[in-house]
Amino acid sequence: MAEDYQKMTVAELKELLKEANLPLSGKKADLVARLVEANDAAPAAEEPSDDEWDDDGDWDDEAVEGHVAKQKPVLDDDIKAALALRAEQKKMTPSFRRTEWFRYKRLSRSGWRAPHGMDSKQRRNYRYRGSLVRVGHGKVATARGLHPSGFQEVMVQNTTDLESIDPETQAARVGRGVGGRKREHIYSRADELGIRVLNRRRDVCCKSPTKSDSLPRYLPR
């Protein structure tokens, strides 16, 4: 312990003395000796034995709310191998950019467009103009159309569409035009059926449909 104190500076030693409410006067040797005496005089903390633990009060048997793992599909070995191969193929696939995407901001967000100009450098396969979309860039056919998790995506517009979904191999994707109230009912029904919703919104809570929700918002006169 004394060797460790010798390696410290005077300012660091005074900080330790200040925390222990000890005098700060004297040379470095006096400060080190004062800290060593204080450590020797302090009683060692006894660790409680196994018999001293109270099993009744130290543990909480209630479940702690935390992260809930997402539902996984039931896949065979061929589908798993195809998904792994598709992931490796995607790493080697170039990013397809339309002509002069770097010149105009609106073109950078419009996706791929095939070049048709007679003098187009991209159509004539000039390397500095980017790659063209070709048949050879396609992925493995077995995993084509599957979600990265392995589910088959099914578009859902209401709770009735959930009845025909297989929870083991299919997952629901709510349409973009579905409102917030109907989304709550879809989420609640999907949880009851054990169906995973791929585009679940965090700001929309699950809610079971009530009789008042089925009534028209504006009654006819």
C-alpha atoms as a PDB file:
ATOM      1  CA  MET A   1       0.000   0.000   0.000  1.00  0.00           C
ATOM      2  CA  ALA A   2       2.852   2.390   0.844  1.00  0.00           C
ATOM      3  CA  GLU A   3       4.448   1.792  -2.567  1.00  0.00           C
ATOM      4  CA  ASP A   4       1.219   2.798  -4.282  1.00  0.00           C
ATOM      5  CA  TYR A   5       1.102   6.012  -2.297  1.00  0.00           C
ATOM      6  CA  GLN A   6       4.721   6.783  -3.200  1.00  0.00           C
ATOM      7  CA  LYS A   7       3.833   6.729  -6.895  1.00  0.00           C
ATOM      8  CA  MET A   8       1.089   9.324  -6.408  1.00  0.00           C
ATOM      9  CA  THR A   9       1.611  13.077  -6.467  1.00  0.00           C
ATOM     10  CA  VAL A  10       1.251  15.359  -3.460  1.00  0.00           C
ATOM     11  CA  ALA A  11      -1.997  16.774  -4.819  1.00  0.00           C
ATOM     12  CA  GLU A  12      -3.492  13.283  -5.146  1.00  0.00           C
ATOM     13  CA  LEU A  13      -2.383  12.379  -1.632  1.00  0.00           C
ATOM     14  CA  LYS A  14      -3.993  15.509  -0.230  1.00  0.00           C
ATOM     15  CA  GLU A  15      -7.237  14.623  -1.977  1.00  0.00           C
ATOM     16  CA  LEU A  16      -7.235  11.238  -0.252  1.00  0.00           C
ATOM     17  CA  LEU A  17      -6.478  12.858   3.088  1.00  0.00           C
ATOM     18  CA  LYS A  18      -9.251  15.371   2.553  1.00  0.00           C
ATOM     19  CA  GLU A  19     -11.755  12.581   1.880  1.00  0.00           C
ATOM     20  CA  ALA A  20     -10.645  10.784   5.052  1.00  0.00           C
ATOM     21  CA  ASN A  21     -10.842  14.046   7.148  1.00  0.00           C
ATOM     22  CA  LEU A  22      -7.124  13.893   7.983  1.00  0.00           C
ATOM     23  CA  PRO A  23      -4.618  16.783   8.307  1.00  0.00           C
ATOM     24  CA  LEU A  24      -3.042  17.990   5.060  1.00  0.00           C
ATOM     25  CA  SER A  25       0.165  19.518   6.464  1.00  0.00           C
ATOM     26  CA  GLY A  26       3.645  18.030   6.150  1.00  0.00           C
ATOM     27  CA  LYS A  27       5.908  16.636   3.454  1.00  0.00           C
ATOM     28  CA  LYS A  28       5.115  13.778   1.081  1.00  0.00           C
ATOM     29  CA  ALA A  29       6.594  11.200   3.448  1.00  0.00           C
ATOM     30  CA  ASP A  30       4.370  12.489   6.260  1.00  0.00           C
ATOM     31  CA  LEU A  31       1.305  12.323   4.040  1.00  0.00           C
ATOM     32  CA  VAL A  32       2.090   8.732   3.004  1.00  0.00           C
ATOM     33  CA  ALA A  33       2.687   7.659   6.599  1.00  0.00           C
ATOM     34  CA  ARG A  34      -0.587   9.268   7.679  1.00  0.00           C
ATOM     35  CA  LEU A  35      -2.545   7.388   4.985  1.00  0.00           C
ATOM     36  CA  VAL A  36      -0.874   4.071   5.827  1.00  0.00           C
ATOM     37  CA  GLU A  37      -1.710   4.487   9.522  1.00  0.00           C
ATOM     38  CA  ALA A  38      -5.320   5.309   8.651  1.00  0.00           C
ATOM     39  CA  ASN A  39      -5.630   2.184   6.489  1.00  0.00           C
ATOM     40  CA  ASP A  40      -4.124  -0.038   9.169  1.00  0.00           C
ATOM     41  CA  ALA A  41      -6.433   1.373  11.832  1.00  0.00           C
ATOM     42  CA  ALA A  42      -9.587   0.915   9.719  1.00  0.00           C
ATOM     43  CA  PRO A  43     -11.359  -2.398  10.554  1.00  0.00           C
ATOM     44  CA  ALA A  44     -11.689  -4.832   7.684  1.00  0.00           C
ATOM     45  CA  ALA A  45     -15.230  -5.195   6.389  1.00  0.00           C
ATOM     46  CA  GLU A  46     -16.578  -8.645   7.073  1.00  0.00           C
ATOM     47  CA  GLU A  47     -18.398 -10.333   4.265  1.00  0.00           C
ATOM     48  CA  PRO A  48     -21.694 -11.925   5.281  1.00  0.00           C
ATOM     49  CA  SER A  49     -21.740 -15.681   5.278  1.00  0.00           C
ATOM     50  CA  ASP A  50     -24.189 -17.788   3.332  1.00  0.00           C
ATOM     51  CA  ASP A  51     -26.257 -18.394   6.447  1.00  0.00           C
ATOM     52  CA  GLU A  52     -26.803 -14.686   7.010  1.00  0.00           C
ATOM     53  CA  TRP A  53     -28.604 -14.108   3.729  1.00  0.00           C
ATOM     54  CA  ASP A  54     -32.345 -13.768   3.997  1.00  0.00           C
ATOM     55  CA  ASP A  55     -33.844 -15.603   1.089  1.00  0.00           C
ATOM     56  CA  ASP A  56     -37.326 -14.323   1.853  1.00  0.00           C
ATOM     57  CA  GLY A  57     -36.600 -10.617   1.640  1.00  0.00           C
ATOM     58  CA  ASP A  58     -33.647 -10.286  -0.746  1.00  0.00           C
ATOM     59  CA  TRP A  59     -35.267 -11.679  -3.863  1.00  0.00           C
ATOM     60  CA  ASP A  60     -38.237 -10.459  -5.822  1.00  0.00           C
ATOM     61  CA  ASP A  61     -40.221 -13.198  -7.474  1.00  0.00           C
ATOM     62  CA  GLU A  62     -42.218 -10.801  -9.615  1.00  0.00           C
ATOM     63  CA  ALA A  63     -41.350 -10.704 -13.295  1.00  0.00           C
ATOM     64  CA  VAL A  64     -39.381  -7.649 -14.355  1.00  0.00           C
ATOM     65  CA  GLU A  65     -40.669  -5.888 -17.425  1.00  0.00           C
ATOM     66  CA  GLY A  66     -37.969  -5.680 -20.070  1.00  0.00           C
ATOM     67  CA  HIS A  67     -37.173  -6.468 -23.650  1.00  0.00           C
ATOM     68  CA  VAL A  68     -39.512  -8.948 -25.313  1.00  0.00           C
ATOM     69  CA  ALA A  69     -37.911 -11.070 -28.029  1.00  0.00           C
ATOM     70  CA  LYS A  70     -39.535 -10.816 -31.448  1.00  0.00           C
ATOM     71  CA  GLN A  71     -41.301 -13.815 -32.834  1.00  0.00           C
ATOM     72  CA  LYS A  72     -39.241 -15.980 -35.188  1.00  0.00           C
ATOM     73  CA  PRO A  73     -40.596 -18.062 -38.092  1.00  0.00           C
ATOM     74  CA  VAL A  74     -40.445 -21.827 -38.332  1.00  0.00           C
ATOM     75  CA  LEU A  75     -37.984 -22.459 -41.180  1.00  0.00           C
ATOM     76  CA  ASP A  76     -36.457 -25.596 -42.636  1.00  0.00           C
ATOM     77  CA  ASP A  77     -32.759 -25.998 -43.367  1.00  0.00           C
ATOM     78  CA  ASP A  78     -33.128 -25.100 -47.057  1.00  0.00           C
ATOM     79  CA  ILE A  79     -34.774 -21.742 -46.318  1.00  0.00           C
ATOM     80  CA  LYS A  80     -32.173 -20.910 -43.657  1.00  0.00           C
ATOM     81  CA  ALA A  81     -29.354 -21.675 -46.077  1.00  0.00           C
ATOM     82  CA  ALA A  82     -31.051 -19.592 -48.781  1.00  0.00           C
ATOM     83  CA  LEU A  83     -31.426 -16.600 -46.440  1.00  0.00           C
ATOM     84  CA  ALA A  84     -27.763 -16.825 -45.442  1.00  0.00           C
ATOM     85  CA  LEU A  85     -26.724 -17.036 -49.106  1.00  0.00           C
ATOM     86  CA  ARG A  86     -28.915 -14.042 -49.982  1.00  0.00           C
ATOM     87  CA  ALA A  87     -27.289 -11.997 -47.227  1.00  0.00           C
ATOM     88  CA  GLU A  88     -23.843 -12.789 -48.624  1.00  0.00           C
ATOM     89  CA  GLN A  89     -24.972 -11.949 -52.161  1.00  0.00           C
ATOM     90  CA  LYS A  90     -26.376  -8.618 -51.011  1.00  0.00           C
ATOM     91  CA  LYS A  91     -22.966  -7.579 -49.681  1.00  0.00           C
ATOM     92  CA  MET A  92     -21.497  -7.937 -53.167  1.00  0.00           C
ATOM     93  CA  THR A  93     -24.369  -6.187 -54.977  1.00  0.00           C
ATOM     94  CA  PRO A  94     -23.483  -2.634 -56.106  1.00  0.00           C
ATOM     95  CA  SER A  95     -25.702   0.329 -55.343  1.00  0.00           C
ATOM     96  CA  PHE A  96     -27.634   1.201 -58.499  1.00  0.00           C
ATOM     97  CA  ARG A  97     -27.860   4.948 -59.146  1.00  0.00           C
ATOM     98  CA  ARG A  98     -29.642   6.638 -62.007  1.00  0.00           C
ATOM     99  CA  THR A  99     -27.834   8.995 -64.384  1.00  0.00           C
ATOM    100  CA  GLU A 100     -26.556  12.223 -62.763  1.00  0.00           C
ATOM    101  CA  TRP A 101     -28.001  11.337 -59.378  1.00  0.00           C
ATOM    102  CA  PHE A 102     -25.198  13.362 -57.789  1.00  0.00           C
ATOM    103  CA  ARG A 103     -26.062  16.529 -59.715  1.00  0.00           C
ATOM    104  CA  TYR A 104     -29.686  17.002 -58.661  1.00  0.00           C
ATOM    105  CA  LYS A 105     -31.040  16.259 -55.222  1.00  0.00           C
ATOM    106  CA  ARG A 106     -34.423  15.169 -56.544  1.00  0.00           C
ATOM    107  CA  LEU A 107     -32.774  12.449 -58.631  1.00  0.00           C
ATOM    108  CA  SER A 108     -30.923  10.974 -55.653  1.00  0.00           C
ATOM    109  CA  ARG A 109     -34.249  10.093 -54.015  1.00  0.00           C
ATOM    110  CA  SER A 110     -36.040   8.737 -57.088  1.00  0.00           C
ATOM    111  CA  GLY A 111     -34.392   5.308 -57.210  1.00  0.00           C
ATOM    112  CA  TRP A 112     -33.207   3.503 -60.309  1.00  0.00           C
ATOM    113  CA  ARG A 113     -34.028   4.581 -63.869  1.00  0.00           C
ATOM    114  CA  ALA A 114     -32.549   2.881 -66.899  1.00  0.00           C
ATOM    115  CA  PRO A 115     -30.542   5.200 -69.188  1.00  0.00           C
ATOM    116  CA  HIS A 116     -31.850   5.569 -72.758  1.00  0.00           C
ATOM    117  CA  GLY A 117     -29.687   8.364 -74.175  1.00  0.00           C
ATOM    118  CA  MET A 118     -27.790   7.675 -77.382  1.00  0.00           C
ATOM    119  CA  ASP A 119     -24.572   9.086 -75.911  1.00  0.00           C
ATOM    120  CA  SER A 120     -25.205   8.010 -72.314  1.00  0.00           C
ATOM    121  CA  LYS A 121     -21.964   6.879 -70.703  1.00  0.00           C
ATOM    122  CA  GLN A 122     -23.816   4.722 -68.237  1.00  0.00           C
ATOM    123  CA  ARG A 123     -25.702   2.916 -70.996  1.00  0.00           C
ATOM    124  CA  ARG A 124     -22.394   2.331 -72.777  1.00  0.00           C
ATOM    125  CA  ASN A 125     -20.963   0.722 -69.627  1.00  0.00           C
ATOM    126  CA  TYR A 126     -18.397   3.351 -68.684  1.00  0.00           C
ATOM    127  CA  ARG A 127     -17.126   2.202 -65.318  1.00  0.00           C
ATOM    128  CA  TYR A 128     -17.115   5.622 -63.628  1.00  0.00           C
ATOM    129  CA  ARG A 129     -20.850   6.043 -64.306  1.00  0.00           C
ATOM    130  CA  GLY A 130     -22.015   3.158 -62.126  1.00  0.00           C
ATOM    131  CA  SER A 131     -23.411  -0.308 -62.694  1.00  0.00           C
ATOM    132  CA  LEU A 132     -26.498  -1.221 -64.679  1.00  0.00           C
ATOM    133  CA  VAL A 133     -29.267  -3.436 -63.370  1.00  0.00           C
ATOM    134  CA  ARG A 134     -28.813  -6.858 -64.953  1.00  0.00           C
ATOM    135  CA  VAL A 135     -30.218 -10.340 -64.565  1.00  0.00           C
ATOM    136  CA  GLY A 136     -26.998 -11.575 -62.984  1.00  0.00           C
ATOM    137  CA  HIS A 137     -27.521  -9.373 -59.904  1.00  0.00           C
ATOM    138  CA  GLY A 138     -30.586 -11.385 -58.843  1.00  0.00           C
ATOM    139  CA  LYS A 139     -30.544 -13.253 -55.556  1.00  0.00           C
ATOM    140  CA  VAL A 140     -31.265 -16.887 -54.781  1.00  0.00           C
ATOM    141  CA  ALA A 141     -34.772 -17.773 -55.915  1.00  0.00           C
ATOM    142  CA  THR A 142     -35.684 -19.787 -52.814  1.00  0.00           C
ATOM    143  CA  ALA A 143     -35.517 -16.734 -50.533  1.00  0.00           C
ATOM    144  CA  ARG A 144     -36.949 -14.268 -53.029  1.00  0.00           C
ATOM    145  CA  GLY A 145     -39.738 -12.138 -51.564  1.00  0.00           C
ATOM    146  CA  LEU A 146     -39.076 -13.141 -47.950  1.00  0.00           C
ATOM    147  CA  HIS A 147     -38.536 -10.704 -45.104  1.00  0.00           C
ATOM    148  CA  PRO A 148     -34.964 -10.706 -43.684  1.00  0.00           C
ATOM    149  CA  SER A 149     -36.333 -12.539 -40.653  1.00  0.00           C
ATOM    150  CA  GLY A 150     -37.714 -15.297 -42.921  1.00  0.00           C
ATOM    151  CA  PHE A 151     -41.415 -14.414 -42.750  1.00  0.00           C
ATOM    152  CA  GLN A 152     -43.689 -14.104 -45.761  1.00  0.00           C
ATOM    153  CA  GLU A 153     -45.195 -10.620 -45.690  1.00  0.00           C
ATOM    154  CA  VAL A 154     -48.982 -10.303 -45.888  1.00  0.00           C
ATOM    155  CA  MET A 155     -50.592  -6.876 -46.362  1.00  0.00           C
ATOM    156  CA  VAL A 156     -53.276  -6.181 -43.765  1.00  0.00           C
ATOM    157  CA  GLN A 157     -55.943  -3.477 -43.883  1.00  0.00           C
ATOM    158  CA  ASN A 158     -58.261  -4.621 -41.054  1.00  0.00           C
ATOM    159  CA  THR A 159     -58.621  -7.268 -38.371  1.00  0.00           C
ATOM    160  CA  THR A 160     -60.421  -9.644 -40.746  1.00  0.00           C
ATOM    161  CA  ASP A 161     -57.270 -10.019 -42.859  1.00  0.00           C
ATOM    162  CA  LEU A 162     -55.437 -11.455 -39.839  1.00  0.00           C
ATOM    163  CA  GLU A 163     -57.617 -14.551 -39.688  1.00  0.00           C
ATOM    164  CA  SER A 164     -56.045 -16.125 -42.790  1.00  0.00           C
ATOM    165  CA  ILE A 165     -52.411 -15.641 -41.687  1.00  0.00           C
ATOM    166  CA  ASP A 166     -50.263 -18.561 -40.552  1.00  0.00           C
ATOM    167  CA  PRO A 167     -48.286 -17.314 -37.498  1.00  0.00           C
ATOM    168  CA  GLU A 168     -45.464 -19.814 -38.056  1.00  0.00           C
ATOM    169  CA  THR A 169     -44.505 -18.740 -41.578  1.00  0.00           C
ATOM    170  CA  GLN A 170     -46.296 -15.445 -42.278  1.00  0.00           C
ATOM    171  CA  ALA A 171     -46.204 -11.967 -40.736  1.00  0.00           C
ATOM    172  CA  ALA A 172     -48.507  -8.977 -41.113  1.00  0.00           C
ATOM    173  CA  ARG A 173     -47.644  -5.590 -42.568  1.00  0.00           C
ATOM    174  CA  VAL A 174     -50.242  -2.891 -41.936  1.00  0.00           C
ATOM    175  CA  GLY A 175     -51.083  -0.689 -44.896  1.00  0.00           C
ATOM    176  CA  ARG A 176     -49.834   2.874 -44.823  1.00  0.00           C
ATOM    177  CA  GLY A 177     -53.346   4.300 -45.183  1.00  0.00           C
ATOM    178  CA  VAL A 178     -54.691   2.620 -42.037  1.00  0.00           C
ATOM    179  CA  GLY A 179     -55.599   5.089 -39.290  1.00  0.00           C
ATOM    180  CA  GLY A 180     -54.475   5.092 -35.691  1.00  0.00           C
ATOM    181  CA  ARG A 181     -57.686   3.691 -34.186  1.00  0.00           C
ATOM    182  CA  LYS A 182     -57.815   0.769 -36.574  1.00  0.00           C
ATOM    183  CA  ARG A 183     -54.100   0.124 -36.008  1.00  0.00           C
ATOM    184  CA  GLU A 184     -54.769  -0.304 -32.290  1.00  0.00           C
ATOM    185  CA  HIS A 185     -57.371  -2.960 -33.037  1.00  0.00           C
ATOM    186  CA  ILE A 186     -55.070  -4.722 -35.510  1.00  0.00           C
ATOM    187  CA  TYR A 187     -52.196  -4.800 -33.013  1.00  0.00           C
ATOM    188  CA  SER A 188     -54.436  -6.147 -30.266  1.00  0.00           C
ATOM    189  CA  ARG A 189     -55.895  -8.874 -32.479  1.00  0.00           C
ATOM    190  CA  ALA A 190     -52.447  -9.818 -33.796  1.00  0.00           C
ATOM    191  CA  ASP A 191     -51.179 -10.280 -30.241  1.00  0.00           C
ATOM    192  CA  GLU A 192     -54.126 -12.549 -29.477  1.00  0.00           C
ATOM    193  CA  LEU A 193     -53.431 -14.705 -32.544  1.00  0.00           C
ATOM    194  CA  GLY A 194     -49.657 -14.697 -32.016  1.00  0.00           C
ATOM    195  CA  ILE A 195     -48.946 -12.908 -35.308  1.00  0.00           C
ATOM    196  CA  ARG A 196     -45.928 -10.666 -35.712  1.00  0.00           C
ATOM    197  CA  VAL A 197     -46.501  -7.172 -37.120  1.00  0.00           C
ATOM    198  CA  LEU A 198     -43.458  -6.047 -39.088  1.00  0.00           C
ATOM    199  CA  ASN A 199     -44.175  -2.305 -39.138  1.00  0.00           C
ATOM    200  CA  ARG A 200     -45.554  -1.857 -35.639  1.00  0.00           C
ATOM    201  CA  ARG A 201     -45.530   1.764 -34.484  1.00  0.00           C
ATOM    202  CA  ARG A 202     -44.345   2.566 -30.985  1.00  0.00           C
ATOM    203  CA  ASP A 203     -46.661   5.551 -30.611  1.00  0.00           C
ATOM    204  CA  VAL A 204     -49.751   3.370 -31.150  1.00  0.00           C
ATOM    205  CA  CYS A 205     -50.809   1.228 -28.195  1.00  0.00           C
ATOM    206  CA  CYS A 206     -52.830  -1.952 -28.375  1.00  0.00           C
ATOM    207  CA  LYS A 207     -56.526  -1.538 -27.715  1.00  0.00           C
ATOM    208  CA  SER A 208     -59.402  -3.961 -27.919  1.00  0.00           C
ATOM    209  CA  PRO A 209     -62.365  -2.788 -30.008  1.00  0.00           C
ATOM    210  CA  THR A 210     -65.391  -1.667 -28.025  1.00  0.00           C
ATOM    211  CA  LYS A 211     -69.012  -1.176 -28.913  1.00  0.00           C
ATOM    212  CA  SER A 212     -68.598   2.597 -29.055  1.00  0.00           C
ATOM    213  CA  ASP A 213     -65.802   2.284 -31.627  1.00  0.00           C
ATOM    214  CA  SER A 214     -68.093   0.403 -34.007  1.00  0.00           C
ATOM    215  CA  LEU A 215     -70.696   3.187 -33.976  1.00  0.00           C
ATOM    216  CA  PRO A 216     -70.494   5.912 -36.639  1.00  0.00           C
ATOM    217  CA  ARG A 217     -68.673   9.033 -35.544  1.00  0.00           C
ATOM    218  CA  TYR A 218     -71.367  11.343 -36.933  1.00  0.00           C
ATOM    219  CA  LEU A 219     -74.975  10.208 -36.630  1.00  0.00           C
ATOM    220  CA  PRO A 220     -77.273  11.034 -39.554  1.00  0.00           C
ATOM    221  CA  ARG A 221     -79.927  13.644 -38.958  1.00  0.00           C
END
